[in-house]
Amino acid sequence: MTSQNESAAADAQRDYSKTLFLPQTEFPMRAGLPQREPEWLARWDKLDVFGKLRATSKGKEKFILHDGPPYANGHLHI
């Protein structure tokens, strides 16, 4: 009979990754958003995404999104 400490040590060393059905994907496990954001911004700048959006909406009626109050009983702020 093993002691509780020996059992806990054995569990800590056991590799449970083989007992799980983990997806096989090329996506990174962590997004790394702070590191990747500059890449995205540079790509969007190169593709002129903002300019294309502006050109698409040219001549259309202006859409204004009123950002709601910060609290349920607060006043509307723009």
PDB file of N, CA and C in Angstrom:
ATOM      1  N   MET A   1       0.847  -1.181   0.000  1.00  0.00           N
ATOM      2  CA  MET A   1       0.000   0.000   0.000  1.00  0.00           C
ATOM      3  C   MET A   1       0.888   1.239   0.000  1.00  0.00           C
ATOM      4  N   THR A   2       0.590   2.180  -0.893  1.00  0.00           N
ATOM      5  CA  THR A   2       1.422   3.376  -0.990  1.00  0.00           C
ATOM      6  C   THR A   2       0.834   4.494  -0.148  1.00  0.00           C
ATOM      7  N   SER A   3       1.701   5.368   0.239  1.00  0.00           N
ATOM      8  CA  SER A   3       1.235   6.506   1.026  1.00  0.00           C
ATOM      9  C   SER A   3       0.594   7.534   0.103  1.00  0.00           C
ATOM     10  N   GLN A   4      -0.102   8.460   0.696  1.00  0.00           N
ATOM     11  CA  GLN A   4      -0.780   9.495  -0.079  1.00  0.00           C
ATOM     12  C   GLN A   4       0.233  10.374  -0.815  1.00  0.00           C
ATOM     13  N   ASN A   5       1.383  10.651  -0.198  1.00  0.00           N
ATOM     14  CA  ASN A   5       2.407  11.476  -0.835  1.00  0.00           C
ATOM     15  C   ASN A   5       2.992  10.782  -2.060  1.00  0.00           C
ATOM     16  N   GLU A   6       3.235   9.461  -1.960  1.00  0.00           N
ATOM     17  CA  GLU A   6       3.770   8.717  -3.098  1.00  0.00           C
ATOM     18  C   GLU A   6       2.765   8.695  -4.244  1.00  0.00           C
ATOM     19  N   SER A   7       1.494   8.556  -3.910  1.00  0.00           N
ATOM     20  CA  SER A   7       0.444   8.540  -4.919  1.00  0.00           C
ATOM     21  C   SER A   7       0.342   9.898  -5.613  1.00  0.00           C
ATOM     22  N   ALA A   8       0.441  10.962  -4.848  1.00  0.00           N
ATOM     23  CA  ALA A   8       0.385  12.311  -5.424  1.00  0.00           C
ATOM     24  C   ALA A   8       1.590  12.555  -6.321  1.00  0.00           C
ATOM     25  N   ALA A   9       2.756  12.081  -5.932  1.00  0.00           N
ATOM     26  CA  ALA A   9       3.963  12.251  -6.741  1.00  0.00           C
ATOM     27  C   ALA A   9       3.843  11.473  -8.049  1.00  0.00           C
ATOM     28  N   ALA A  10       3.272  10.273  -7.989  1.00  0.00           N
ATOM     29  CA  ALA A  10       3.094   9.469  -9.196  1.00  0.00           C
ATOM     30  C   ALA A  10       2.109  10.146 -10.149  1.00  0.00           C
ATOM     31  N   ASP A  11       1.040  10.724  -9.615  1.00  0.00           N
ATOM     32  CA  ASP A  11       0.069  11.431 -10.453  1.00  0.00           C
ATOM     33  C   ASP A  11       0.695  12.660 -11.105  1.00  0.00           C
ATOM     34  N   ALA A  12       1.566  13.348 -10.394  1.00  0.00           N
ATOM     35  CA  ALA A  12       2.210  14.545 -10.927  1.00  0.00           C
ATOM     36  C   ALA A  12       3.127  14.197 -12.095  1.00  0.00           C
ATOM     37  N   GLN A  13       3.702  12.994 -12.087  1.00  0.00           N
ATOM     38  CA  GLN A  13       4.621  12.587 -13.145  1.00  0.00           C
ATOM     39  C   GLN A  13       3.905  11.933 -14.326  1.00  0.00           C
ATOM     40  N   ARG A  14       2.662  11.552 -14.155  1.00  0.00           N
ATOM     41  CA  ARG A  14       1.915  10.874 -15.208  1.00  0.00           C
ATOM     42  C   ARG A  14       1.592  11.861 -16.333  1.00  0.00           C
ATOM     43  N   ASP A  15       1.742  11.420 -17.566  1.00  0.00           N
ATOM     44  CA  ASP A  15       1.463  12.254 -18.732  1.00  0.00           C
ATOM     45  C   ASP A  15       0.026  11.994 -19.179  1.00  0.00           C
ATOM     46  N   TYR A  16      -0.854  12.925 -18.883  1.00  0.00           N
ATOM     47  CA  TYR A  16      -2.264  12.762 -19.216  1.00  0.00           C
ATOM     48  C   TYR A  16      -2.589  13.194 -20.645  1.00  0.00           C
ATOM     49  N   SER A  17      -1.629  13.763 -21.359  1.00  0.00           N
ATOM     50  CA  SER A  17      -1.917  14.236 -22.715  1.00  0.00           C
ATOM     51  C   SER A  17      -2.322  13.089 -23.642  1.00  0.00           C
ATOM     52  N   LYS A  18      -1.861  11.887 -23.370  1.00  0.00           N
ATOM     53  CA  LYS A  18      -2.218  10.730 -24.197  1.00  0.00           C
ATOM     54  C   LYS A  18      -3.639  10.242 -23.909  1.00  0.00           C
ATOM     55  N   THR A  19      -4.229  10.687 -22.798  1.00  0.00           N
ATOM     56  CA  THR A  19      -5.572  10.241 -22.432  1.00  0.00           C
ATOM     57  C   THR A  19      -6.644  11.203 -22.919  1.00  0.00           C
ATOM     58  N   LEU A  20      -6.236  12.317 -23.544  1.00  0.00           N
ATOM     59  CA  LEU A  20      -7.178  13.330 -23.993  1.00  0.00           C
ATOM     60  C   LEU A  20      -7.280  13.329 -25.507  1.00  0.00           C
ATOM     61  N   PHE A  21      -8.448  13.671 -25.992  1.00  0.00           N
ATOM     62  CA  PHE A  21      -8.639  13.831 -27.423  1.00  0.00           C
ATOM     63  C   PHE A  21      -8.414  15.303 -27.738  1.00  0.00           C
ATOM     64  N   LEU A  22      -7.190  15.644 -28.078  1.00  0.00           N
ATOM     65  CA  LEU A  22      -6.842  17.023 -28.378  1.00  0.00           C
ATOM     66  C   LEU A  22      -6.853  17.229 -29.883  1.00  0.00           C
ATOM     67  N   PRO A  23      -7.358  18.365 -30.344  1.00  0.00           N
ATOM     68  CA  PRO A  23      -7.395  18.599 -31.788  1.00  0.00           C
ATOM     69  C   PRO A  23      -5.999  18.779 -32.357  1.00  0.00           C
ATOM     70  N   GLN A  24      -5.812  18.276 -33.549  1.00  0.00           N
ATOM     71  CA  GLN A  24      -4.552  18.470 -34.263  1.00  0.00           C
ATOM     72  C   GLN A  24      -4.760  19.642 -35.212  1.00  0.00           C
ATOM     73  N   THR A  25      -4.103  20.745 -34.929  1.00  0.00           N
ATOM     74  CA  THR A  25      -4.313  21.949 -35.717  1.00  0.00           C
ATOM     75  C   THR A  25      -3.009  22.710 -35.887  1.00  0.00           C
ATOM     76  N   GLU A  26      -2.959  23.513 -36.921  1.00  0.00           N
ATOM     77  CA  GLU A  26      -1.787  24.354 -37.167  1.00  0.00           C
ATOM     78  C   GLU A  26      -1.879  25.664 -36.394  1.00  0.00           C
ATOM     79  N   PHE A  27      -3.050  25.934 -35.806  1.00  0.00           N
ATOM     80  CA  PHE A  27      -3.217  27.159 -35.047  1.00  0.00           C
ATOM     81  C   PHE A  27      -2.375  27.110 -33.781  1.00  0.00           C
ATOM     82  N   PRO A  28      -1.796  28.236 -33.399  1.00  0.00           N
ATOM     83  CA  PRO A  28      -1.027  28.245 -32.151  1.00  0.00           C
ATOM     84  C   PRO A  28      -1.970  28.110 -30.954  1.00  0.00           C
ATOM     85  N   MET A  29      -1.480  27.506 -29.881  1.00  0.00           N
ATOM     86  CA  MET A  29      -2.302  27.327 -28.689  1.00  0.00           C
ATOM     87  C   MET A  29      -2.588  28.665 -28.010  1.00  0.00           C
ATOM     88  N   ARG A  30      -1.697  29.603 -28.167  1.00  0.00           N
ATOM     89  CA  ARG A  30      -1.916  30.945 -27.631  1.00  0.00           C
ATOM     90  C   ARG A  30      -1.907  31.917 -28.801  1.00  0.00           C
ATOM     91  N   ALA A  31      -2.763  32.896 -28.716  1.00  0.00           N
ATOM     92  CA  ALA A  31      -2.901  33.819 -29.841  1.00  0.00           C
ATOM     93  C   ALA A  31      -1.721  34.771 -29.971  1.00  0.00           C
ATOM     94  N   GLY A  32      -1.095  35.153 -28.866  1.00  0.00           N
ATOM     95  CA  GLY A  32       0.022  36.091 -28.925  1.00  0.00           C
ATOM     96  C   GLY A  32      -0.405  37.433 -29.499  1.00  0.00           C
ATOM     97  N   LEU A  33      -1.557  37.936 -29.053  1.00  0.00           N
ATOM     98  CA  LEU A  33      -2.125  39.142 -29.640  1.00  0.00           C
ATOM     99  C   LEU A  33      -1.199  40.353 -29.598  1.00  0.00           C
ATOM    100  N   PRO A  34      -0.544  40.650 -28.496  1.00  0.00           N
ATOM    101  CA  PRO A  34       0.328  41.835 -28.500  1.00  0.00           C
ATOM    102  C   PRO A  34       1.457  41.745 -29.524  1.00  0.00           C
ATOM    103  N   GLN A  35       1.945  40.547 -29.794  1.00  0.00           N
ATOM    104  CA  GLN A  35       3.023  40.386 -30.765  1.00  0.00           C
ATOM    105  C   GLN A  35       2.489  40.405 -32.197  1.00  0.00           C
ATOM    106  N   ARG A  36       1.277  39.909 -32.403  1.00  0.00           N
ATOM    107  CA  ARG A  36       0.749  39.775 -33.761  1.00  0.00           C
ATOM    108  C   ARG A  36       0.022  41.019 -34.253  1.00  0.00           C
ATOM    109  N   GLU A  37      -0.427  41.871 -33.331  1.00  0.00           N
ATOM    110  CA  GLU A  37      -1.183  43.051 -33.747  1.00  0.00           C
ATOM    111  C   GLU A  37      -0.408  43.940 -34.723  1.00  0.00           C
ATOM    112  N   PRO A  38       0.874  44.218 -34.496  1.00  0.00           N
ATOM    113  CA  PRO A  38       1.601  45.034 -35.481  1.00  0.00           C
ATOM    114  C   PRO A  38       1.619  44.413 -36.882  1.00  0.00           C
ATOM    115  N   GLU A  39       1.674  43.085 -36.962  1.00  0.00           N
ATOM    116  CA  GLU A  39       1.628  42.409 -38.268  1.00  0.00           C
ATOM    117  C   GLU A  39       0.291  42.672 -38.960  1.00  0.00           C
ATOM    118  N   TRP A  40      -0.791  42.554 -38.189  1.00  0.00           N
ATOM    119  CA  TRP A  40      -2.120  42.777 -38.759  1.00  0.00           C
ATOM    120  C   TRP A  40      -2.272  44.219 -39.225  1.00  0.00           C
ATOM    121  N   LEU A  41      -1.837  45.163 -38.398  1.00  0.00           N
ATOM    122  CA  LEU A  41      -1.960  46.571 -38.767  1.00  0.00           C
ATOM    123  C   LEU A  41      -1.166  46.879 -40.031  1.00  0.00           C
ATOM    124  N   ALA A  42       0.029  46.316 -40.136  1.00  0.00           N
ATOM    125  CA  ALA A  42       0.848  46.535 -41.334  1.00  0.00           C
ATOM    126  C   ALA A  42       0.169  45.936 -42.567  1.00  0.00           C
ATOM    127  N   ARG A  43      -0.418  44.769 -42.406  1.00  0.00           N
ATOM    128  CA  ARG A  43      -1.109  44.121 -43.537  1.00  0.00           C
ATOM    129  C   ARG A  43      -2.321  44.934 -43.964  1.00  0.00           C
ATOM    130  N   TRP A  44      -3.098  45.400 -42.984  1.00  0.00           N
ATOM    131  CA  TRP A  44      -4.279  46.208 -43.302  1.00  0.00           C
ATOM    132  C   TRP A  44      -3.867  47.511 -43.982  1.00  0.00           C
ATOM    133  N   ASP A  45      -2.740  48.085 -43.543  1.00  0.00           N
ATOM    134  CA  ASP A  45      -2.245  49.311 -44.157  1.00  0.00           C
ATOM    135  C   ASP A  45      -1.820  49.035 -45.605  1.00  0.00           C
ATOM    136  N   LYS A  46      -1.142  47.934 -45.813  1.00  0.00           N
ATOM    137  CA  LYS A  46      -0.688  47.559 -47.160  1.00  0.00           C
ATOM    138  C   LYS A  46      -1.876  47.315 -48.096  1.00  0.00           C
ATOM    139  N   LEU A  47      -2.924  46.690 -47.582  1.00  0.00           N
ATOM    140  CA  LEU A  47      -4.114  46.395 -48.381  1.00  0.00           C
ATOM    141  C   LEU A  47      -5.074  47.583 -48.465  1.00  0.00           C
ATOM    142  N   ASP A  48      -4.777  48.659 -47.757  1.00  0.00           N
ATOM    143  CA  ASP A  48      -5.614  49.864 -47.715  1.00  0.00           C
ATOM    144  C   ASP A  48      -7.051  49.528 -47.314  1.00  0.00           C
ATOM    145  N   VAL A  49      -7.179  48.759 -46.254  1.00  0.00           N
ATOM    146  CA  VAL A  49      -8.495  48.321 -45.790  1.00  0.00           C
ATOM    147  C   VAL A  49      -9.368  49.520 -45.421  1.00  0.00           C
ATOM    148  N   PHE A  50      -8.824  50.477 -44.675  1.00  0.00           N
ATOM    149  CA  PHE A  50      -9.615  51.630 -44.259  1.00  0.00           C
ATOM    150  C   PHE A  50     -10.059  52.447 -45.470  1.00  0.00           C
ATOM    151  N   GLY A  51      -9.166  52.651 -46.420  1.00  0.00           N
ATOM    152  CA  GLY A  51      -9.518  53.396 -47.630  1.00  0.00           C
ATOM    153  C   GLY A  51     -10.620  52.718 -48.422  1.00  0.00           C
ATOM    154  N   LYS A  52     -10.569  51.398 -48.505  1.00  0.00           N
ATOM    155  CA  LYS A  52     -11.600  50.649 -49.225  1.00  0.00           C
ATOM    156  C   LYS A  52     -12.944  50.748 -48.510  1.00  0.00           C
ATOM    157  N   LEU A  53     -12.918  50.703 -47.171  1.00  0.00           N
ATOM    158  CA  LEU A  53     -14.157  50.860 -46.411  1.00  0.00           C
ATOM    159  C   LEU A  53     -14.755  52.242 -46.640  1.00  0.00           C
ATOM    160  N   ARG A  54     -13.892  53.259 -46.636  1.00  0.00           N
ATOM    161  CA  ARG A  54     -14.358  54.632 -46.868  1.00  0.00           C
ATOM    162  C   ARG A  54     -14.938  54.761 -48.282  1.00  0.00           C
ATOM    163  N   ALA A  55     -14.297  54.163 -49.259  1.00  0.00           N
ATOM    164  CA  ALA A  55     -14.780  54.238 -50.643  1.00  0.00           C
ATOM    165  C   ALA A  55     -16.121  53.524 -50.790  1.00  0.00           C
ATOM    166  N   THR A  56     -16.280  52.409 -50.098  1.00  0.00           N
ATOM    167  CA  THR A  56     -17.523  51.646 -50.162  1.00  0.00           C
ATOM    168  C   THR A  56     -18.686  52.442 -49.586  1.00  0.00           C
ATOM    169  N   SER A  57     -18.434  53.204 -48.527  1.00  0.00           N
ATOM    170  CA  SER A  57     -19.514  53.940 -47.870  1.00  0.00           C
ATOM    171  C   SER A  57     -19.710  55.347 -48.430  1.00  0.00           C
ATOM    172  N   LYS A  58     -18.913  55.733 -49.397  1.00  0.00           N
ATOM    173  CA  LYS A  58     -19.009  57.081 -49.969  1.00  0.00           C
ATOM    174  C   LYS A  58     -20.387  57.279 -50.609  1.00  0.00           C
ATOM    175  N   GLY A  59     -21.020  58.402 -50.273  1.00  0.00           N
ATOM    176  CA  GLY A  59     -22.330  58.721 -50.820  1.00  0.00           C
ATOM    177  C   GLY A  59     -23.491  58.122 -50.053  1.00  0.00           C
ATOM    178  N   LYS A  60     -23.224  57.246 -49.115  1.00  0.00           N
ATOM    179  CA  LYS A  60     -24.296  56.645 -48.325  1.00  0.00           C
ATOM    180  C   LYS A  60     -24.645  57.564 -47.157  1.00  0.00           C
ATOM    181  N   GLU A  61     -25.833  57.354 -46.611  1.00  0.00           N
ATOM    182  CA  GLU A  61     -26.260  58.134 -45.454  1.00  0.00           C
ATOM    183  C   GLU A  61     -25.337  57.838 -44.274  1.00  0.00           C
ATOM    184  N   LYS A  62     -24.997  58.886 -43.545  1.00  0.00           N
ATOM    185  CA  LYS A  62     -24.093  58.745 -42.414  1.00  0.00           C
ATOM    186  C   LYS A  62     -24.757  57.915 -41.318  1.00  0.00           C
ATOM    187  N   PHE A  63     -24.030  56.973 -40.776  1.00  0.00           N
ATOM    188  CA  PHE A  63     -24.515  56.135 -39.682  1.00  0.00           C
ATOM    189  C   PHE A  63     -23.795  56.549 -38.413  1.00  0.00           C
ATOM    190  N   ILE A  64     -24.560  56.897 -37.392  1.00  0.00           N
ATOM    191  CA  ILE A  64     -23.972  57.308 -36.119  1.00  0.00           C
ATOM    192  C   ILE A  64     -24.379  56.294 -35.064  1.00  0.00           C
ATOM    193  N   LEU A  65     -23.407  55.718 -34.423  1.00  0.00           N
ATOM    194  CA  LEU A  65     -23.650  54.785 -33.334  1.00  0.00           C
ATOM    195  C   LEU A  65     -23.491  55.548 -32.031  1.00  0.00           C
ATOM    196  N   HIS A  66     -24.584  55.704 -31.306  1.00  0.00           N
ATOM    197  CA  HIS A  66     -24.529  56.375 -30.010  1.00  0.00           C
ATOM    198  C   HIS A  66     -24.106  55.342 -28.977  1.00  0.00           C
ATOM    199  N   ASP A  67     -22.908  55.504 -28.470  1.00  0.00           N
ATOM    200  CA  ASP A  67     -22.400  54.603 -27.449  1.00  0.00           C
ATOM    201  C   ASP A  67     -23.208  54.842 -26.188  1.00  0.00           C
ATOM    202  N   GLY A  68     -23.790  53.803 -25.650  1.00  0.00           N
ATOM    203  CA  GLY A  68     -24.708  53.925 -24.528  1.00  0.00           C
ATOM    204  C   GLY A  68     -24.076  54.437 -23.251  1.00  0.00           C
ATOM    205  N   PRO A  69     -24.899  54.657 -22.252  1.00  0.00           N
ATOM    206  CA  PRO A  69     -24.397  55.187 -20.985  1.00  0.00           C
ATOM    207  C   PRO A  69     -23.487  54.168 -20.300  1.00  0.00           C
ATOM    208  N   PRO A  70     -22.550  54.670 -19.522  1.00  0.00           N
ATOM    209  CA  PRO A  70     -21.652  53.738 -18.850  1.00  0.00           C
ATOM    210  C   PRO A  70     -22.339  52.952 -17.739  1.00  0.00           C
ATOM    211  N   TYR A  71     -23.455  53.480 -17.244  1.00  0.00           N
ATOM    212  CA  TYR A  71     -24.203  52.798 -16.187  1.00  0.00           C
ATOM    213  C   TYR A  71     -25.669  52.746 -16.598  1.00  0.00           C
ATOM    214  N   ALA A  72     -26.413  51.846 -16.011  1.00  0.00           N
ATOM    215  CA  ALA A  72     -27.814  51.674 -16.384  1.00  0.00           C
ATOM    216  C   ALA A  72     -28.623  52.949 -16.189  1.00  0.00           C
ATOM    217  N   ASN A  73     -28.280  53.752 -15.199  1.00  0.00           N
ATOM    218  CA  ASN A  73     -29.047  54.966 -14.939  1.00  0.00           C
ATOM    219  C   ASN A  73     -28.281  56.228 -15.347  1.00  0.00           C
ATOM    220  N   GLY A  74     -27.251  56.087 -16.179  1.00  0.00           N
ATOM    221  CA  GLY A  74     -26.449  57.233 -16.606  1.00  0.00           C
ATOM    222  C   GLY A  74     -27.064  57.948 -17.793  1.00  0.00           C
ATOM    223  N   HIS A  75     -26.540  59.117 -18.103  1.00  0.00           N
ATOM    224  CA  HIS A  75     -27.011  59.905 -19.234  1.00  0.00           C
ATOM    225  C   HIS A  75     -26.316  59.442 -20.513  1.00  0.00           C
ATOM    226  N   LEU A  76     -26.967  59.668 -21.636  1.00  0.00           N
ATOM    227  CA  LEU A  76     -26.391  59.358 -22.933  1.00  0.00           C
ATOM    228  C   LEU A  76     -25.155  60.222 -23.151  1.00  0.00           C
ATOM    229  N   HIS A  77     -24.069  59.618 -23.597  1.00  0.00           N
ATOM    230  CA  HIS A  77     -22.867  60.392 -23.888  1.00  0.00           C
ATOM    231  C   HIS A  77     -22.411  60.078 -25.303  1.00  0.00           C
ATOM    232  N   ILE A  78     -21.869  61.071 -25.933  1.00  0.00           N
ATOM    233  CA  ILE A  78     -21.424  60.908 -27.320  1.00  0.00           C
ATOM    234  C   ILE A  78     -19.952  61.232 -27.403  1.00  0.00           C
TER     235      ILE A  78
END
